Structure formats: C-alpha cells, structure tokens
PDB file of N, CA and C in Angstrom:
ATOM      1  N   UNK A   1       5.390  12.881 -13.970  1.00  0.00           N
ATOM      2  CA  UNK A   1       5.740  11.640 -14.613  1.00  0.00           C
ATOM      3  C   UNK A   1       5.191  10.490 -13.798  1.00  0.00           C
ATOM      4  N   UNK A   2       4.361   9.661 -14.360  1.00  0.00           N
ATOM      5  CA  UNK A   2       3.818   8.511 -13.643  1.00  0.00           C
ATOM      6  C   UNK A   2       4.882   7.427 -13.458  1.00  0.00           C
ATOM      7  N   UNK A   3       5.088   7.024 -12.216  1.00  0.00           N
ATOM      8  CA  UNK A   3       6.028   5.945 -11.935  1.00  0.00           C
ATOM      9  C   UNK A   3       5.288   4.619 -12.046  1.00  0.00           C
ATOM     10  N   UNK A   4       5.859   3.689 -12.791  1.00  0.00           N
ATOM     11  CA  UNK A   4       5.250   2.374 -12.965  1.00  0.00           C
ATOM     12  C   UNK A   4       5.517   1.526 -11.729  1.00  0.00           C
ATOM     13  N   UNK A   5       6.801   1.421 -11.340  1.00  0.00           N
ATOM     14  CA  UNK A   5       7.163   0.718 -10.112  1.00  0.00           C
ATOM     15  C   UNK A   5       8.620   0.981  -9.773  1.00  0.00           C
ATOM     16  N   UNK A   6       9.018   0.551  -8.564  1.00  0.00           N
ATOM     17  CA  UNK A   6      10.415   0.609  -8.112  1.00  0.00           C
ATOM     18  C   UNK A   6      10.868  -0.815  -7.856  1.00  0.00           C
ATOM     19  N   UNK A   7      12.130  -1.086  -8.221  1.00  0.00           N
ATOM     20  CA  UNK A   7      12.668  -2.433  -8.080  1.00  0.00           C
ATOM     21  C   UNK A   7      14.155  -2.336  -7.796  1.00  0.00           C
ATOM     22  N   UNK A   8      14.596  -2.795  -6.636  1.00  0.00           N
ATOM     23  CA  UNK A   8      16.001  -2.769  -6.232  1.00  0.00           C
ATOM     24  C   UNK A   8      16.659  -1.410  -6.441  1.00  0.00           C
ATOM     25  N   UNK A   9      15.969  -0.342  -6.086  1.00  0.00           N
ATOM     26  CA  UNK A   9      16.529   0.997  -6.192  1.00  0.00           C
ATOM     27  C   UNK A   9      16.384   1.651  -7.551  1.00  0.00           C
ATOM     28  N   UNK A  10      15.732   0.979  -8.500  1.00  0.00           N
ATOM     29  CA  UNK A  10      15.494   1.535  -9.829  1.00  0.00           C
ATOM     30  C   UNK A  10      14.050   2.014  -9.931  1.00  0.00           C
ATOM     31  N   UNK A  11      13.861   3.151 -10.548  1.00  0.00           N
ATOM     32  CA  UNK A  11      12.536   3.707 -10.770  1.00  0.00           C
ATOM     33  C   UNK A  11      12.186   3.575 -12.245  1.00  0.00           C
ATOM     34  N   UNK A  12      11.073   2.948 -12.558  1.00  0.00           N
ATOM     35  CA  UNK A  12      10.594   2.760 -13.933  1.00  0.00           C
ATOM     36  C   UNK A  12       9.433   3.713 -14.140  1.00  0.00           C
ATOM     37  N   UNK A  13       9.516   4.569 -15.158  1.00  0.00           N
ATOM     38  CA  UNK A  13       8.478   5.577 -15.348  1.00  0.00           C
ATOM     39  C   UNK A  13       8.346   5.960 -16.810  1.00  0.00           C
ATOM     40  N   UNK A  14       7.295   6.740 -17.114  1.00  0.00           N
ATOM     41  CA  UNK A  14       7.077   7.241 -18.467  1.00  0.00           C
ATOM     42  C   UNK A  14       6.541   8.656 -18.379  1.00  0.00           C
ATOM     43  N   UNK A  15       6.628   9.363 -19.465  1.00  0.00           N
ATOM     44  CA  UNK A  15       6.051  10.703 -19.571  1.00  0.00           C
ATOM     45  C   UNK A  15       4.851  10.613 -20.505  1.00  0.00           C
ATOM     46  N   UNK A  16       3.712  11.137 -20.090  1.00  0.00           N
ATOM     47  CA  UNK A  16       2.555  11.125 -20.977  1.00  0.00           C
ATOM     48  C   UNK A  16       2.782  12.128 -22.100  1.00  0.00           C
ATOM     49  N   UNK A  17       2.224  11.871 -23.243  1.00  0.00           N
ATOM     50  CA  UNK A  17       2.335  12.741 -24.426  1.00  0.00           C
ATOM     51  C   UNK A  17       3.765  12.882 -24.931  1.00  0.00           C
ATOM     52  N   UNK A  18       4.606  11.880 -24.727  1.00  0.00           N
ATOM     53  CA  UNK A  18       5.979  11.935 -25.216  1.00  0.00           C
ATOM     54  C   UNK A  18       6.051  11.293 -26.597  1.00  0.00           C
ATOM     55  N   UNK A  19       7.167  11.450 -27.277  1.00  0.00           N
ATOM     56  CA  UNK A  19       7.369  11.024 -28.663  1.00  0.00           C
ATOM     57  C   UNK A  19       7.309   9.508 -28.828  1.00  0.00           C
ATOM     58  N   UNK A  20       7.086   9.089 -30.058  1.00  0.00           N
ATOM     59  CA  UNK A  20       7.130   7.677 -30.437  1.00  0.00           C
ATOM     60  C   UNK A  20       8.583   7.284 -30.629  1.00  0.00           C
ATOM     61  N   UNK A  21       8.979   6.037 -30.555  1.00  0.00           N
ATOM     62  CA  UNK A  21       8.179   4.866 -30.216  1.00  0.00           C
ATOM     63  C   UNK A  21       7.890   4.828 -28.716  1.00  0.00           C
ATOM     64  N   UNK A  22       6.929   3.975 -28.345  1.00  0.00           N
ATOM     65  CA  UNK A  22       6.630   3.803 -26.928  1.00  0.00           C
ATOM     66  C   UNK A  22       7.903   3.370 -26.202  1.00  0.00           C
ATOM     67  N   UNK A  23       8.132   3.934 -25.026  1.00  0.00           N
ATOM     68  CA  UNK A  23       9.331   3.593 -24.282  1.00  0.00           C
ATOM     69  C   UNK A  23       9.131   3.837 -22.791  1.00  0.00           C
ATOM     70  N   UNK A  24      10.031   3.239 -22.002  1.00  0.00           N
ATOM     71  CA  UNK A  24      10.021   3.368 -20.551  1.00  0.00           C
ATOM     72  C   UNK A  24      11.395   3.870 -20.122  1.00  0.00           C
ATOM     73  N   UNK A  25      11.415   4.840 -19.220  1.00  0.00           N
ATOM     74  CA  UNK A  25      12.655   5.358 -18.655  1.00  0.00           C
ATOM     75  C   UNK A  25      12.938   4.604 -17.362  1.00  0.00           C
ATOM     76  N   UNK A  26      14.240   4.365 -17.099  1.00  0.00           N
ATOM     77  CA  UNK A  26      14.663   3.709 -15.867  1.00  0.00           C
ATOM     78  C   UNK A  26      15.787   4.542 -15.274  1.00  0.00           C
ATOM     79  N   UNK A  27      15.662   4.879 -13.985  1.00  0.00           N
ATOM     80  CA  UNK A  27      16.709   5.639 -13.299  1.00  0.00           C
ATOM     81  C   UNK A  27      17.122   4.925 -12.036  1.00  0.00           C
ATOM     82  N   UNK A  28      18.427   4.967 -11.776  1.00  0.00           N
ATOM     83  CA  UNK A  28      18.986   4.408 -10.556  1.00  0.00           C
ATOM     84  C   UNK A  28      20.107   5.292 -10.057  1.00  0.00           C
ATOM     85  N   UNK A  29      20.827   4.838  -9.049  1.00  0.00           N
ATOM     86  CA  UNK A  29      21.918   5.612  -8.464  1.00  0.00           C
ATOM     87  C   UNK A  29      23.035   5.901  -9.461  1.00  0.00           C
ATOM     88  N   UNK A  30      23.274   4.991 -10.388  1.00  0.00           N
ATOM     89  CA  UNK A  30      24.425   5.106 -11.267  1.00  0.00           C
ATOM     90  C   UNK A  30      24.092   5.573 -12.676  1.00  0.00           C
ATOM     91  N   UNK A  31      22.867   6.023 -12.915  1.00  0.00           N
ATOM     92  CA  UNK A  31      22.547   6.521 -14.244  1.00  0.00           C
ATOM     93  C   UNK A  31      21.112   6.262 -14.638  1.00  0.00           C
ATOM     94  N   UNK A  32      20.888   6.329 -15.952  1.00  0.00           N
ATOM     95  CA  UNK A  32      19.538   6.130 -16.467  1.00  0.00           C
ATOM     96  C   UNK A  32      19.596   5.453 -17.833  1.00  0.00           C
ATOM     97  N   UNK A  33      18.462   4.906 -18.248  1.00  0.00           N
ATOM     98  CA  UNK A  33      18.345   4.238 -19.539  1.00  0.00           C
ATOM     99  C   UNK A  33      16.935   4.451 -20.068  1.00  0.00           C
ATOM    100  N   UNK A  34      16.772   4.212 -21.370  1.00  0.00           N
ATOM    101  CA  UNK A  34      15.458   4.286 -21.999  1.00  0.00           C
ATOM    102  C   UNK A  34      15.276   3.009 -22.817  1.00  0.00           C
ATOM    103  N   UNK A  35      14.193   2.299 -22.556  1.00  0.00           N
ATOM    104  CA  UNK A  35      13.896   1.066 -23.261  1.00  0.00           C
ATOM    105  C   UNK A  35      12.725   1.296 -24.204  1.00  0.00           C
ATOM    106  N   UNK A  36      12.930   1.031 -25.489  1.00  0.00           N
ATOM    107  CA  UNK A  36      11.885   1.176 -26.506  1.00  0.00           C
ATOM    108  C   UNK A  36      11.075  -0.109 -26.600  1.00  0.00           C
ATOM    109  N   UNK A  37       9.793   0.035 -26.886  1.00  0.00           N
ATOM    110  CA  UNK A  37       8.878  -1.101 -27.028  1.00  0.00           C
ATOM    111  C   UNK A  37       8.376  -1.130 -28.472  1.00  0.00           C
ATOM    112  N   UNK A  38       8.588  -2.255 -29.177  1.00  0.00           N
ATOM    113  CA  UNK A  38       8.147  -2.350 -30.572  1.00  0.00           C
ATOM    114  C   UNK A  38       6.838  -3.117 -30.729  1.00  0.00           C
ATOM    115  N   UNK A  39       6.221  -3.481 -29.629  1.00  0.00           N
ATOM    116  CA  UNK A  39       4.969  -4.246 -29.660  1.00  0.00           C
ATOM    117  C   UNK A  39       5.184  -5.681 -29.238  1.00  0.00           C
ATOM    118  N   UNK A  40       6.416  -6.189 -29.378  1.00  0.00           N
ATOM    119  CA  UNK A  40       6.757  -7.548 -28.973  1.00  0.00           C
ATOM    120  C   UNK A  40       7.932  -7.614 -27.998  1.00  0.00           C
ATOM    121  N   UNK A  41       8.898  -6.689 -28.169  1.00  0.00           N
ATOM    122  CA  UNK A  41      10.131  -6.743 -27.390  1.00  0.00           C
ATOM    123  C   UNK A  41      10.564  -5.353 -26.943  1.00  0.00           C
ATOM    124  N   UNK A  42      11.327  -5.328 -25.880  1.00  0.00           N
ATOM    125  CA  UNK A  42      11.994  -4.108 -25.444  1.00  0.00           C
ATOM    126  C   UNK A  42      13.414  -4.115 -25.977  1.00  0.00           C
ATOM    127  N   UNK A  43      13.917  -2.938 -26.320  1.00  0.00           N
ATOM    128  CA  UNK A  43      15.327  -2.798 -26.707  1.00  0.00           C
ATOM    129  C   UNK A  43      15.908  -1.580 -26.023  1.00  0.00           C
ATOM    130  N   UNK A  44      17.175  -1.655 -25.689  1.00  0.00           N
ATOM    131  CA  UNK A  44      17.855  -0.580 -24.986  1.00  0.00           C
ATOM    132  C   UNK A  44      18.241   0.509 -25.956  1.00  0.00           C
TER     133      UNK A  44
END
C-alpha cells in the first residue's frame, strides 16, 4: 500500500487497483477512516 504522507501520527494511504469511488484511507492510534473523493470534495 503506497503511503501518501504522515501527519500528527496519522498515516494517509491508498491501495492500487481498489474499488471505485476514489478514496484515501487514514489510520491512527485510535482507529481508521476512509474518505471518498467525488472530483471536487472529500466525504467521510
């Protein structure tokens, strides 16, 4: 999984060849989230 960057203990990354819509995974000490990208905005 390619890591985009780390920020205050959070890792932002994506998986190549993963399903649509485009999205970014975020992991930290207390859990994880996935943010979808619609071309203009991110949504949780």
